[in-house]
Protein backbone atom coordinates (compact mmCIF):
# COMPACT_ATOMS: atom_id res chain seq x y z
CA UNK A 1 0.71 42.29 -46.91
CA UNK A 2 0.40 45.43 -44.83
CA UNK A 3 3.54 47.11 -46.09
CA UNK A 4 2.48 46.73 -49.71
CA UNK A 5 -1.01 48.01 -48.90
CA UNK A 6 0.48 51.16 -47.37
CA UNK A 7 2.96 51.52 -50.23
CA UNK A 8 0.22 51.50 -52.85
CA UNK A 9 -2.31 53.36 -50.73
CA UNK A 10 -4.89 50.59 -50.45
CA UNK A 11 -6.96 50.70 -47.22
CA UNK A 12 -4.32 53.05 -45.89
CA UNK A 13 -5.96 54.20 -42.67
CA UNK A 14 -7.05 50.73 -41.57
CA UNK A 15 -3.72 49.15 -42.42
CA UNK A 16 -1.81 51.93 -40.66
CA UNK A 17 -3.89 51.47 -37.49
CA UNK A 18 -3.33 47.72 -37.41
CA UNK A 19 0.37 48.12 -38.14
CA UNK A 20 0.73 50.73 -35.38
CA UNK A 21 -0.98 48.38 -32.95
CA UNK A 22 1.25 45.49 -34.00
CA UNK A 23 4.38 47.62 -33.59
CA UNK A 24 3.28 48.77 -30.13
CA UNK A 25 2.52 45.18 -29.16
CA UNK A 26 5.98 44.02 -30.22
CA UNK A 27 7.55 46.93 -28.35
CA UNK A 28 5.89 45.98 -25.08
CA UNK A 29 6.28 42.22 -25.49
CA UNK A 30 9.86 42.00 -26.70
CA UNK A 31 11.64 45.24 -25.77
CA UNK A 32 10.31 46.15 -22.32
CA UNK A 33 13.35 44.85 -20.41
CA UNK A 34 15.06 48.19 -19.88
CA UNK A 35 17.96 46.67 -17.92
CA UNK A 36 19.63 45.99 -21.25
CA UNK A 37 20.58 49.14 -23.13
CA UNK A 38 19.72 47.87 -26.58
CA UNK A 39 16.17 46.97 -25.52
CA UNK A 40 15.39 50.53 -24.47
CA UNK A 41 16.70 51.75 -27.82
CA UNK A 42 14.56 49.23 -29.73
CA UNK A 43 11.55 50.14 -27.57
CA UNK A 44 11.92 53.81 -28.47
CA UNK A 45 12.39 52.88 -32.14
CA UNK A 46 9.13 50.92 -32.12
CA UNK A 47 7.32 53.81 -30.42
CA UNK A 48 8.58 56.15 -33.11
CA UNK A 49 7.48 53.83 -35.90
CA UNK A 50 4.05 53.48 -34.27
CA UNK A 51 3.76 57.25 -34.13
CA UNK A 52 4.49 57.44 -37.84
CA UNK A 53 1.81 54.87 -38.60
CA UNK A 54 -0.70 56.73 -36.41
CA UNK A 55 0.11 59.95 -38.24
CA UNK A 56 -0.51 58.16 -41.53
CA UNK A 57 -3.81 56.83 -40.17
CA UNK A 58 -4.88 60.39 -39.29
CA UNK A 59 -3.78 62.09 -42.50
CA UNK A 60 -4.84 59.31 -44.85
CA UNK A 61 -3.48 58.41 -48.25
CA UNK A 62 -1.82 60.78 -50.67
CA UNK A 63 -3.09 62.04 -54.00
CA UNK A 64 -1.57 59.13 -55.92
CA UNK A 65 -3.09 56.16 -54.09
CA UNK A 66 -5.56 53.41 -54.79
CA UNK A 67 -7.84 54.77 -52.05
CA UNK A 68 -8.10 58.15 -53.79
CA UNK A 69 -8.62 56.49 -57.15
CA UNK A 70 -11.48 54.33 -55.84
CA UNK A 71 -13.19 57.20 -53.98
CA UNK A 72 -12.86 59.77 -56.75
CA UNK A 73 -16.13 61.45 -57.67
CA UNK A 74 -16.54 62.04 -61.42
């Protein structure tokens, strides 16, 4: 669902925000045990992915996206 929406640029900002929130939630729920080395690595990976989704939510879709096609003024 959400990955395909981002891929094709449909509701990009909304989908990116929800996906960033989901990724942060999984980071804190499943990878917050820093006693194990791999969990801290996975936590940082999820934070990085969330940052990418937040950047996408700020910048919006590209020129070749469904969002741009639907909002194009003729």
